[in-house]
């Protein structure tokens, strides 16, 4: 790989991952390993890019992906864990299998990937794309919130524990205009459409998710910020991107009862406005 820096990106064929792959691939200083699950979405136009298959719900796939990368390089400079999914719905009706899947995709898979890449992660920088949802204020997407919070907790501990001088950065964007929202509606369709008791709330959740596909932060802005962070000489353990992310952090400083009251009021107001 000469003197090029090696960058590994998961979730490289859509949203943030796709934009990051374009950015790094356009720079001759980098060799990019780009993780995909759907081969139809691979771009053959990018230079300096080696695509590898990884399915975050398949543990064998995670191991094989790591083995492939280790067979190609002796060191990874930057690992960016982007791939993720959203499980949504009221807790009382969410299938436990879906909860397990949420944590496998958003949390456990990234831990296992890093564990298998450890031999080539000396003095490396890991950037996890977390979310403002990790502050935990958002009803009906609590699995997503909890999985992102868990990701932050596990990797913060890893940053303290590891003996390989591996830095860990959590990037917490606000709402981003990416396909993840439309995907989340499709993957949670059964829960979102078949619950009469929560029909109003779930209709709002569905409409809001579809709206986020276009109204959120420009994915290019987020990708540029992540790349900027990845190249800093010194980094903080956490970065917020977007005004809504900063507001979510401020809200988290309040007592839980106050947070719950404000969220309920806001949710009811938005549902009422959505109906009118």
C-alpha atoms as a PDB file:
ATOM      1  CA  UNK A   1       0.000   0.000   0.000  1.00  0.00           C
ATOM      2  CA  UNK A   2       3.122   2.262  -0.234  1.00  0.00           C
ATOM      3  CA  UNK A   3       2.846   5.289   2.046  1.00  0.00           C
ATOM      4  CA  UNK A   4      -0.860   5.670   1.640  1.00  0.00           C
ATOM      5  CA  UNK A   5      -3.060   5.774   4.708  1.00  0.00           C
ATOM      6  CA  UNK A   6      -5.489   2.888   4.935  1.00  0.00           C
ATOM      7  CA  UNK A   7      -9.136   3.733   5.618  1.00  0.00           C
ATOM      8  CA  UNK A   8     -11.820   1.122   6.275  1.00  0.00           C
ATOM      9  CA  UNK A   9     -15.474   2.171   5.955  1.00  0.00           C
ATOM     10  CA  UNK A  10     -18.545   0.039   6.636  1.00  0.00           C
ATOM     11  CA  UNK A  11     -21.926   0.870   5.112  1.00  0.00           C
ATOM     12  CA  UNK A  12     -20.151   2.317   2.089  1.00  0.00           C
ATOM     13  CA  UNK A  13     -22.895   2.011  -0.529  1.00  0.00           C
ATOM     14  CA  UNK A  14     -25.466   4.475   0.843  1.00  0.00           C
ATOM     15  CA  UNK A  15     -25.820   7.625   2.918  1.00  0.00           C
ATOM     16  CA  UNK A  16     -22.856   8.805   4.967  1.00  0.00           C
ATOM     17  CA  UNK A  17     -20.726   5.784   4.097  1.00  0.00           C
ATOM     18  CA  UNK A  18     -21.164   6.352   0.388  1.00  0.00           C
ATOM     19  CA  UNK A  19     -20.146   9.999   0.649  1.00  0.00           C
ATOM     20  CA  UNK A  20     -17.149   9.147   2.833  1.00  0.00           C
ATOM     21  CA  UNK A  21     -16.017   6.499   0.355  1.00  0.00           C
ATOM     22  CA  UNK A  22     -16.171   9.082  -2.453  1.00  0.00           C
ATOM     23  CA  UNK A  23     -14.207  11.613  -0.402  1.00  0.00           C
ATOM     24  CA  UNK A  24     -11.358   9.307   0.595  1.00  0.00           C
ATOM     25  CA  UNK A  25     -11.229   7.608  -2.806  1.00  0.00           C
ATOM     26  CA  UNK A  26     -10.759  10.969  -4.498  1.00  0.00           C
ATOM     27  CA  UNK A  27      -7.557  11.554  -2.504  1.00  0.00           C
ATOM     28  CA  UNK A  28      -4.423   9.794  -3.743  1.00  0.00           C
ATOM     29  CA  UNK A  29      -3.080   9.732  -0.171  1.00  0.00           C
ATOM     30  CA  UNK A  30      -5.579   7.036   0.841  1.00  0.00           C
ATOM     31  CA  UNK A  31      -6.274   3.408   0.112  1.00  0.00           C
ATOM     32  CA  UNK A  32      -9.906   2.663   0.906  1.00  0.00           C
ATOM     33  CA  UNK A  33     -11.533  -0.590   1.952  1.00  0.00           C
ATOM     34  CA  UNK A  34     -15.290  -0.169   1.536  1.00  0.00           C
ATOM     35  CA  UNK A  35     -17.747  -2.570   3.125  1.00  0.00           C
ATOM     36  CA  UNK A  36     -20.932  -3.469   1.287  1.00  0.00           C
ATOM     37  CA  UNK A  37     -23.872  -5.841   1.702  1.00  0.00           C
ATOM     38  CA  UNK A  38     -25.632  -5.282  -1.617  1.00  0.00           C
ATOM     39  CA  UNK A  39     -23.276  -5.720  -4.573  1.00  0.00           C
ATOM     40  CA  UNK A  40     -25.723  -3.926  -6.889  1.00  0.00           C
ATOM     41  CA  UNK A  41     -24.852  -0.657  -5.149  1.00  0.00           C
ATOM     42  CA  UNK A  42     -21.098  -0.867  -5.627  1.00  0.00           C
ATOM     43  CA  UNK A  43     -19.576   1.955  -7.671  1.00  0.00           C
ATOM     44  CA  UNK A  44     -16.943   0.824 -10.169  1.00  0.00           C
ATOM     45  CA  UNK A  45     -15.895   4.397 -10.871  1.00  0.00           C
ATOM     46  CA  UNK A  46     -13.935   5.009  -7.659  1.00  0.00           C
ATOM     47  CA  UNK A  47     -10.161   4.740  -7.607  1.00  0.00           C
ATOM     48  CA  UNK A  48      -8.053   3.603  -4.640  1.00  0.00           C
ATOM     49  CA  UNK A  49     -11.007   1.514  -3.446  1.00  0.00           C
ATOM     50  CA  UNK A  50     -11.210  -2.163  -2.568  1.00  0.00           C
ATOM     51  CA  UNK A  51     -14.751  -3.349  -1.787  1.00  0.00           C
ATOM     52  CA  UNK A  52     -15.310  -6.150   0.697  1.00  0.00           C
ATOM     53  CA  UNK A  53     -18.512  -7.970   1.646  1.00  0.00           C
ATOM     54  CA  UNK A  54     -19.791  -7.704   5.212  1.00  0.00           C
ATOM     55  CA  UNK A  55     -23.222  -8.551   6.620  1.00  0.00           C
ATOM     56  CA  UNK A  56     -23.531  -7.286  10.184  1.00  0.00           C
ATOM     57  CA  UNK A  57     -26.112  -9.901  11.147  1.00  0.00           C
ATOM     58  CA  UNK A  58     -23.834 -12.702   9.997  1.00  0.00           C
ATOM     59  CA  UNK A  59     -20.933 -13.300  12.391  1.00  0.00           C
ATOM     60  CA  UNK A  60     -19.046 -15.456   9.888  1.00  0.00           C
ATOM     61  CA  UNK A  61     -19.246 -12.593   7.425  1.00  0.00           C
ATOM     62  CA  UNK A  62     -17.741 -10.196   9.971  1.00  0.00           C
ATOM     63  CA  UNK A  63     -14.815 -12.537  10.625  1.00  0.00           C
ATOM     64  CA  UNK A  64     -14.247 -13.160   6.920  1.00  0.00           C
ATOM     65  CA  UNK A  65     -14.308  -9.428   6.174  1.00  0.00           C
ATOM     66  CA  UNK A  66     -11.664  -8.801   8.824  1.00  0.00           C
ATOM     67  CA  UNK A  67      -9.533 -11.674   7.527  1.00  0.00           C
ATOM     68  CA  UNK A  68      -9.707 -10.268   4.000  1.00  0.00           C
ATOM     69  CA  UNK A  69      -8.516  -6.839   5.129  1.00  0.00           C
ATOM     70  CA  UNK A  70      -5.714  -8.327   7.261  1.00  0.00           C
ATOM     71  CA  UNK A  71      -4.537 -10.300   4.241  1.00  0.00           C
ATOM     72  CA  UNK A  72      -4.123  -7.039   2.324  1.00  0.00           C
ATOM     73  CA  UNK A  73      -2.625  -4.605   4.850  1.00  0.00           C
ATOM     74  CA  UNK A  74      -0.338  -4.560   7.869  1.00  0.00           C
ATOM     75  CA  UNK A  75      -1.983  -1.486   9.401  1.00  0.00           C
ATOM     76  CA  UNK A  76      -5.302   0.346   9.343  1.00  0.00           C
ATOM     77  CA  UNK A  77      -4.996   4.067  10.012  1.00  0.00           C
ATOM     78  CA  UNK A  78      -8.687   4.964  10.179  1.00  0.00           C
ATOM     79  CA  UNK A  79     -11.685   2.702  10.735  1.00  0.00           C
ATOM     80  CA  UNK A  80     -15.093   4.336  10.291  1.00  0.00           C
ATOM     81  CA  UNK A  81     -18.056   2.279  11.482  1.00  0.00           C
ATOM     82  CA  UNK A  82     -21.022   3.721   9.602  1.00  0.00           C
ATOM     83  CA  UNK A  83     -23.375   0.803   8.883  1.00  0.00           C
ATOM     84  CA  UNK A  84     -26.540   0.707  10.958  1.00  0.00           C
ATOM     85  CA  UNK A  85     -30.298   0.237  11.026  1.00  0.00           C
ATOM     86  CA  UNK A  86     -33.372   1.512  12.874  1.00  0.00           C
ATOM     87  CA  UNK A  87     -35.880  -0.648  14.741  1.00  0.00           C
ATOM     88  CA  UNK A  88     -39.001   1.272  15.742  1.00  0.00           C
ATOM     89  CA  UNK A  89     -42.275   0.762  17.579  1.00  0.00           C
ATOM     90  CA  UNK A  90     -43.847   0.691  21.056  1.00  0.00           C
ATOM     91  CA  UNK A  91     -41.830  -1.424  23.482  1.00  0.00           C
ATOM     92  CA  UNK A  92     -44.855  -3.471  24.544  1.00  0.00           C
ATOM     93  CA  UNK A  93     -45.280  -4.962  21.067  1.00  0.00           C
ATOM     94  CA  UNK A  94     -41.734  -5.078  19.713  1.00  0.00           C
ATOM     95  CA  UNK A  95     -40.603  -8.648  18.997  1.00  0.00           C
ATOM     96  CA  UNK A  96     -37.548  -9.588  21.030  1.00  0.00           C
ATOM     97  CA  UNK A  97     -35.942 -10.927  17.862  1.00  0.00           C
ATOM     98  CA  UNK A  98     -36.095  -7.403  16.414  1.00  0.00           C
ATOM     99  CA  UNK A  99     -34.472  -5.972  19.541  1.00  0.00           C
ATOM    100  CA  UNK A 100     -31.687  -8.529  19.310  1.00  0.00           C
ATOM    101  CA  UNK A 101     -31.227  -7.666  15.645  1.00  0.00           C
ATOM    102  CA  UNK A 102     -31.009  -3.955  16.479  1.00  0.00           C
ATOM    103  CA  UNK A 103     -28.168  -4.470  18.933  1.00  0.00           C
ATOM    104  CA  UNK A 104     -26.410  -6.959  16.671  1.00  0.00           C
ATOM    105  CA  UNK A 105     -26.330  -4.494  13.771  1.00  0.00           C
ATOM    106  CA  UNK A 106     -25.686  -1.237  15.606  1.00  0.00           C
ATOM    107  CA  UNK A 107     -23.524  -2.420  18.497  1.00  0.00           C
ATOM    108  CA  UNK A 108     -22.226  -5.975  18.719  1.00  0.00           C
ATOM    109  CA  UNK A 109     -21.168  -6.267  15.072  1.00  0.00           C
ATOM    110  CA  UNK A 110     -18.865  -3.253  15.379  1.00  0.00           C
ATOM    111  CA  UNK A 111     -17.270  -4.672  18.523  1.00  0.00           C
ATOM    112  CA  UNK A 112     -16.682  -8.015  16.821  1.00  0.00           C
ATOM    113  CA  UNK A 113     -15.268  -6.350  13.710  1.00  0.00           C
ATOM    114  CA  UNK A 114     -12.784  -4.390  15.817  1.00  0.00           C
ATOM    115  CA  UNK A 115     -11.845  -7.472  17.837  1.00  0.00           C
ATOM    116  CA  UNK A 116     -10.994  -9.307  14.629  1.00  0.00           C
ATOM    117  CA  UNK A 117      -9.052  -6.353  13.223  1.00  0.00           C
ATOM    118  CA  UNK A 118      -6.954  -5.764  16.356  1.00  0.00           C
ATOM    119  CA  UNK A 119      -3.696  -7.099  14.858  1.00  0.00           C
ATOM    120  CA  UNK A 120      -3.721  -4.221  12.334  1.00  0.00           C
ATOM    121  CA  UNK A 121      -5.108  -1.480  14.570  1.00  0.00           C
ATOM    122  CA  UNK A 122      -1.982  -0.254  16.401  1.00  0.00           C
ATOM    123  CA  UNK A 123      -2.010   3.546  16.810  1.00  0.00           C
ATOM    124  CA  UNK A 124      -5.194   3.696  14.769  1.00  0.00           C
ATOM    125  CA  UNK A 125      -8.251   5.928  14.994  1.00  0.00           C
ATOM    126  CA  UNK A 126     -11.751   4.456  15.170  1.00  0.00           C
ATOM    127  CA  UNK A 127     -14.686   6.718  14.350  1.00  0.00           C
ATOM    128  CA  UNK A 128     -18.127   5.414  15.210  1.00  0.00           C
ATOM    129  CA  UNK A 129     -21.105   7.120  13.605  1.00  0.00           C
ATOM    130  CA  UNK A 130     -23.414   7.243  16.593  1.00  0.00           C
ATOM    131  CA  UNK A 131     -26.413   9.595  16.771  1.00  0.00           C
ATOM    132  CA  UNK A 132     -28.059  12.309  18.802  1.00  0.00           C
ATOM    133  CA  UNK A 133     -30.506   9.480  19.563  1.00  0.00           C
ATOM    134  CA  UNK A 134     -27.858   8.139  21.951  1.00  0.00           C
ATOM    135  CA  UNK A 135     -29.044  10.764  24.434  1.00  0.00           C
ATOM    136  CA  UNK A 136     -32.215   8.672  24.668  1.00  0.00           C
ATOM    137  CA  UNK A 137     -35.031  11.222  24.423  1.00  0.00           C
ATOM    138  CA  UNK A 138     -36.940   9.748  21.512  1.00  0.00           C
ATOM    139  CA  UNK A 139     -40.016   7.537  22.068  1.00  0.00           C
ATOM    140  CA  UNK A 140     -40.883   4.745  19.612  1.00  0.00           C
ATOM    141  CA  UNK A 141     -37.267   4.433  18.468  1.00  0.00           C
ATOM    142  CA  UNK A 142     -35.872   3.392  21.849  1.00  0.00           C
ATOM    143  CA  UNK A 143     -34.110   0.308  20.381  1.00  0.00           C
ATOM    144  CA  UNK A 144     -32.144   2.608  18.087  1.00  0.00           C
ATOM    145  CA  UNK A 145     -31.401   5.036  20.933  1.00  0.00           C
ATOM    146  CA  UNK A 146     -30.255   2.257  23.263  1.00  0.00           C
ATOM    147  CA  UNK A 147     -28.094   0.563  20.628  1.00  0.00           C
ATOM    148  CA  UNK A 148     -26.286   3.803  19.829  1.00  0.00           C
ATOM    149  CA  UNK A 149     -25.824   4.611  23.528  1.00  0.00           C
ATOM    150  CA  UNK A 150     -24.442   1.124  24.086  1.00  0.00           C
ATOM    151  CA  UNK A 151     -22.070   1.584  21.163  1.00  0.00           C
ATOM    152  CA  UNK A 152     -20.743   4.755  22.805  1.00  0.00           C
ATOM    153  CA  UNK A 153     -20.385   3.118  26.228  1.00  0.00           C
ATOM    154  CA  UNK A 154     -18.578   0.014  24.989  1.00  0.00           C
ATOM    155  CA  UNK A 155     -16.156   1.935  22.807  1.00  0.00           C
ATOM    156  CA  UNK A 156     -15.500   4.591  25.435  1.00  0.00           C
ATOM    157  CA  UNK A 157     -14.423   1.775  27.748  1.00  0.00           C
ATOM    158  CA  UNK A 158     -12.324   0.301  24.928  1.00  0.00           C
ATOM    159  CA  UNK A 159     -10.584   3.653  24.455  1.00  0.00           C
ATOM    160  CA  UNK A 160      -9.549   3.603  28.116  1.00  0.00           C
ATOM    161  CA  UNK A 161      -8.662  -0.079  28.264  1.00  0.00           C
ATOM    162  CA  UNK A 162      -6.716  -0.822  25.097  1.00  0.00           C
ATOM    163  CA  UNK A 163      -2.902  -1.077  25.131  1.00  0.00           C
ATOM    164  CA  UNK A 164      -2.480  -0.369  21.411  1.00  0.00           C
ATOM    165  CA  UNK A 165      -2.891   3.409  21.518  1.00  0.00           C
ATOM    166  CA  UNK A 166      -6.155   3.179  19.571  1.00  0.00           C
ATOM    167  CA  UNK A 167      -8.187   6.395  19.662  1.00  0.00           C
ATOM    168  CA  UNK A 168     -11.990   6.246  19.606  1.00  0.00           C
ATOM    169  CA  UNK A 169     -14.255   9.049  18.441  1.00  0.00           C
ATOM    170  CA  UNK A 170     -18.050   9.084  18.614  1.00  0.00           C
ATOM    171  CA  UNK A 171     -19.712  11.335  16.026  1.00  0.00           C
ATOM    172  CA  UNK A 172     -23.302  12.186  16.916  1.00  0.00           C
ATOM    173  CA  UNK A 173     -25.173  13.812  14.037  1.00  0.00           C
ATOM    174  CA  UNK A 174     -28.692  15.126  14.195  1.00  0.00           C
ATOM    175  CA  UNK A 175     -31.258  14.096  11.600  1.00  0.00           C
ATOM    176  CA  UNK A 176     -29.536  13.480   8.261  1.00  0.00           C
ATOM    177  CA  UNK A 177     -31.179  13.247   4.851  1.00  0.00           C
ATOM    178  CA  UNK A 178     -30.219   9.627   4.117  1.00  0.00           C
ATOM    179  CA  UNK A 179     -32.030   6.477   2.924  1.00  0.00           C
ATOM    180  CA  UNK A 180     -31.928   5.019   6.460  1.00  0.00           C
ATOM    181  CA  UNK A 181     -35.285   6.639   7.248  1.00  0.00           C
ATOM    182  CA  UNK A 182     -37.139   5.126   4.305  1.00  0.00           C
ATOM    183  CA  UNK A 183     -35.415   1.808   4.995  1.00  0.00           C
ATOM    184  CA  UNK A 184     -36.555   1.983   8.619  1.00  0.00           C
ATOM    185  CA  UNK A 185     -40.178   2.475   7.575  1.00  0.00           C
ATOM    186  CA  UNK A 186     -40.000  -0.490   5.222  1.00  0.00           C
ATOM    187  CA  UNK A 187     -38.280  -2.773   7.739  1.00  0.00           C
ATOM    188  CA  UNK A 188     -40.694  -1.834  10.539  1.00  0.00           C
ATOM    189  CA  UNK A 189     -43.841  -1.777   8.406  1.00  0.00           C
ATOM    190  CA  UNK A 190     -45.608  -4.549  10.311  1.00  0.00           C
ATOM    191  CA  UNK A 191     -45.242  -2.848  13.697  1.00  0.00           C
ATOM    192  CA  UNK A 192     -45.950   0.633  12.335  1.00  0.00           C
ATOM    193  CA  UNK A 193     -49.100  -0.376  10.452  1.00  0.00           C
ATOM    194  CA  UNK A 194     -50.758  -3.004  12.642  1.00  0.00           C
ATOM    195  CA  UNK A 195     -51.079  -1.398  16.056  1.00  0.00           C
ATOM    196  CA  UNK A 196     -54.479   0.232  16.535  1.00  0.00           C
ATOM    197  CA  UNK A 197     -53.844   1.544  20.053  1.00  0.00           C
ATOM    198  CA  UNK A 198     -50.877   3.595  18.890  1.00  0.00           C
ATOM    199  CA  UNK A 199     -52.188   4.377  15.421  1.00  0.00           C
ATOM    200  CA  UNK A 200     -51.848   8.177  15.729  1.00  0.00           C
ATOM    201  CA  UNK A 201     -48.353   8.042  17.173  1.00  0.00           C
ATOM    202  CA  UNK A 202     -47.111   5.498  14.664  1.00  0.00           C
ATOM    203  CA  UNK A 203     -48.578   7.368  11.708  1.00  0.00           C
ATOM    204  CA  UNK A 204     -46.702  10.445  12.883  1.00  0.00           C
ATOM    205  CA  UNK A 205     -43.531   8.405  13.327  1.00  0.00           C
ATOM    206  CA  UNK A 206     -43.844   6.970   9.825  1.00  0.00           C
ATOM    207  CA  UNK A 207     -44.581  10.347   8.202  1.00  0.00           C
ATOM    208  CA  UNK A 208     -41.752  11.986  10.133  1.00  0.00           C
ATOM    209  CA  UNK A 209     -39.268   9.287   9.125  1.00  0.00           C
ATOM    210  CA  UNK A 210     -40.151   9.661   5.444  1.00  0.00           C
ATOM    211  CA  UNK A 211     -39.890  13.428   5.775  1.00  0.00           C
ATOM    212  CA  UNK A 212     -36.406  13.074   7.327  1.00  0.00           C
ATOM    213  CA  UNK A 213     -35.233  11.415   4.115  1.00  0.00           C
ATOM    214  CA  UNK A 214     -35.175  14.854   2.504  1.00  0.00           C
ATOM    215  CA  UNK A 215     -35.323  17.477   5.267  1.00  0.00           C
ATOM    216  CA  UNK A 216     -32.338  16.474   7.394  1.00  0.00           C
ATOM    217  CA  UNK A 217     -28.739  17.640   7.277  1.00  0.00           C
ATOM    218  CA  UNK A 218     -27.054  17.324   3.898  1.00  0.00           C
ATOM    219  CA  UNK A 219     -25.148  14.047   3.998  1.00  0.00           C
ATOM    220  CA  UNK A 220     -22.195  15.704   2.262  1.00  0.00           C
ATOM    221  CA  UNK A 221     -21.857  18.203   5.114  1.00  0.00           C
ATOM    222  CA  UNK A 222     -21.777  15.357   7.627  1.00  0.00           C
ATOM    223  CA  UNK A 223     -19.283  13.310   5.587  1.00  0.00           C
ATOM    224  CA  UNK A 224     -16.969  16.310   5.190  1.00  0.00           C
ATOM    225  CA  UNK A 225     -17.067  16.921   8.925  1.00  0.00           C
ATOM    226  CA  UNK A 226     -16.260  13.281   9.692  1.00  0.00           C
ATOM    227  CA  UNK A 227     -13.331  13.328   7.273  1.00  0.00           C
ATOM    228  CA  UNK A 228     -12.089  16.550   8.859  1.00  0.00           C
ATOM    229  CA  UNK A 229     -12.265  14.913  12.299  1.00  0.00           C
ATOM    230  CA  UNK A 230     -10.467  11.808  11.055  1.00  0.00           C
ATOM    231  CA  UNK A 231      -7.487  13.893   9.921  1.00  0.00           C
ATOM    232  CA  UNK A 232      -7.104  16.064  13.021  1.00  0.00           C
ATOM    233  CA  UNK A 233      -3.832  15.737  14.897  1.00  0.00           C
ATOM    234  CA  UNK A 234      -5.713  15.599  18.171  1.00  0.00           C
ATOM    235  CA  UNK A 235      -9.344  14.646  18.594  1.00  0.00           C
ATOM    236  CA  UNK A 236     -12.037  14.790  21.239  1.00  0.00           C
ATOM    237  CA  UNK A 237     -13.882  11.638  22.234  1.00  0.00           C
ATOM    238  CA  UNK A 238     -17.202  13.016  20.988  1.00  0.00           C
ATOM    239  CA  UNK A 239     -18.462  15.439  18.345  1.00  0.00           C
ATOM    240  CA  UNK A 240     -21.969  16.756  17.698  1.00  0.00           C
ATOM    241  CA  UNK A 241     -23.110  17.672  14.199  1.00  0.00           C
ATOM    242  CA  UNK A 242     -26.230  19.812  13.748  1.00  0.00           C
ATOM    243  CA  UNK A 243     -28.296  22.116  15.936  1.00  0.00           C
ATOM    244  CA  UNK A 244     -30.748  19.353  16.850  1.00  0.00           C
ATOM    245  CA  UNK A 245     -27.885  17.214  18.166  1.00  0.00           C
ATOM    246  CA  UNK A 246     -26.685  20.092  20.340  1.00  0.00           C
ATOM    247  CA  UNK A 247     -30.234  20.615  21.627  1.00  0.00           C
ATOM    248  CA  UNK A 248     -30.530  16.904  22.467  1.00  0.00           C
ATOM    249  CA  UNK A 249     -27.355  17.129  24.517  1.00  0.00           C
ATOM    250  CA  UNK A 250     -28.593  20.195  26.401  1.00  0.00           C
ATOM    251  CA  UNK A 251     -31.900  18.445  27.099  1.00  0.00           C
ATOM    252  CA  UNK A 252     -30.005  15.490  28.563  1.00  0.00           C
ATOM    253  CA  UNK A 253     -28.702  17.687  31.396  1.00  0.00           C
ATOM    254  CA  UNK A 254     -32.225  18.116  32.797  1.00  0.00           C
ATOM    255  CA  UNK A 255     -33.822  15.782  35.395  1.00  0.00           C
ATOM    256  CA  UNK A 256     -35.417  12.741  33.740  1.00  0.00           C
ATOM    257  CA  UNK A 257     -38.944  13.673  34.891  1.00  0.00           C
ATOM    258  CA  UNK A 258     -38.580  17.097  33.272  1.00  0.00           C
ATOM    259  CA  UNK A 259     -37.276  15.518  30.065  1.00  0.00           C
ATOM    260  CA  UNK A 260     -40.180  13.055  29.956  1.00  0.00           C
ATOM    261  CA  UNK A 261     -42.734  15.837  30.433  1.00  0.00           C
ATOM    262  CA  UNK A 262     -41.208  18.020  27.727  1.00  0.00           C
ATOM    263  CA  UNK A 263     -40.957  15.131  25.269  1.00  0.00           C
ATOM    264  CA  UNK A 264     -44.596  14.125  25.871  1.00  0.00           C
ATOM    265  CA  UNK A 265     -45.769  17.692  25.356  1.00  0.00           C
ATOM    266  CA  UNK A 266     -43.708  18.052  22.205  1.00  0.00           C
ATOM    267  CA  UNK A 267     -44.830  14.695  20.810  1.00  0.00           C
ATOM    268  CA  UNK A 268     -48.519  15.435  21.414  1.00  0.00           C
ATOM    269  CA  UNK A 269     -48.182  18.881  19.859  1.00  0.00           C
ATOM    270  CA  UNK A 270     -46.504  17.496  16.749  1.00  0.00           C
ATOM    271  CA  UNK A 271     -49.087  14.722  16.387  1.00  0.00           C
ATOM    272  CA  UNK A 272     -51.886  17.288  16.633  1.00  0.00           C
ATOM    273  CA  UNK A 273     -50.191  19.526  14.098  1.00  0.00           C
ATOM    274  CA  UNK A 274     -49.646  16.543  11.802  1.00  0.00           C
ATOM    275  CA  UNK A 275     -53.379  15.774  11.849  1.00  0.00           C
ATOM    276  CA  UNK A 276     -54.454  19.317  11.011  1.00  0.00           C
END
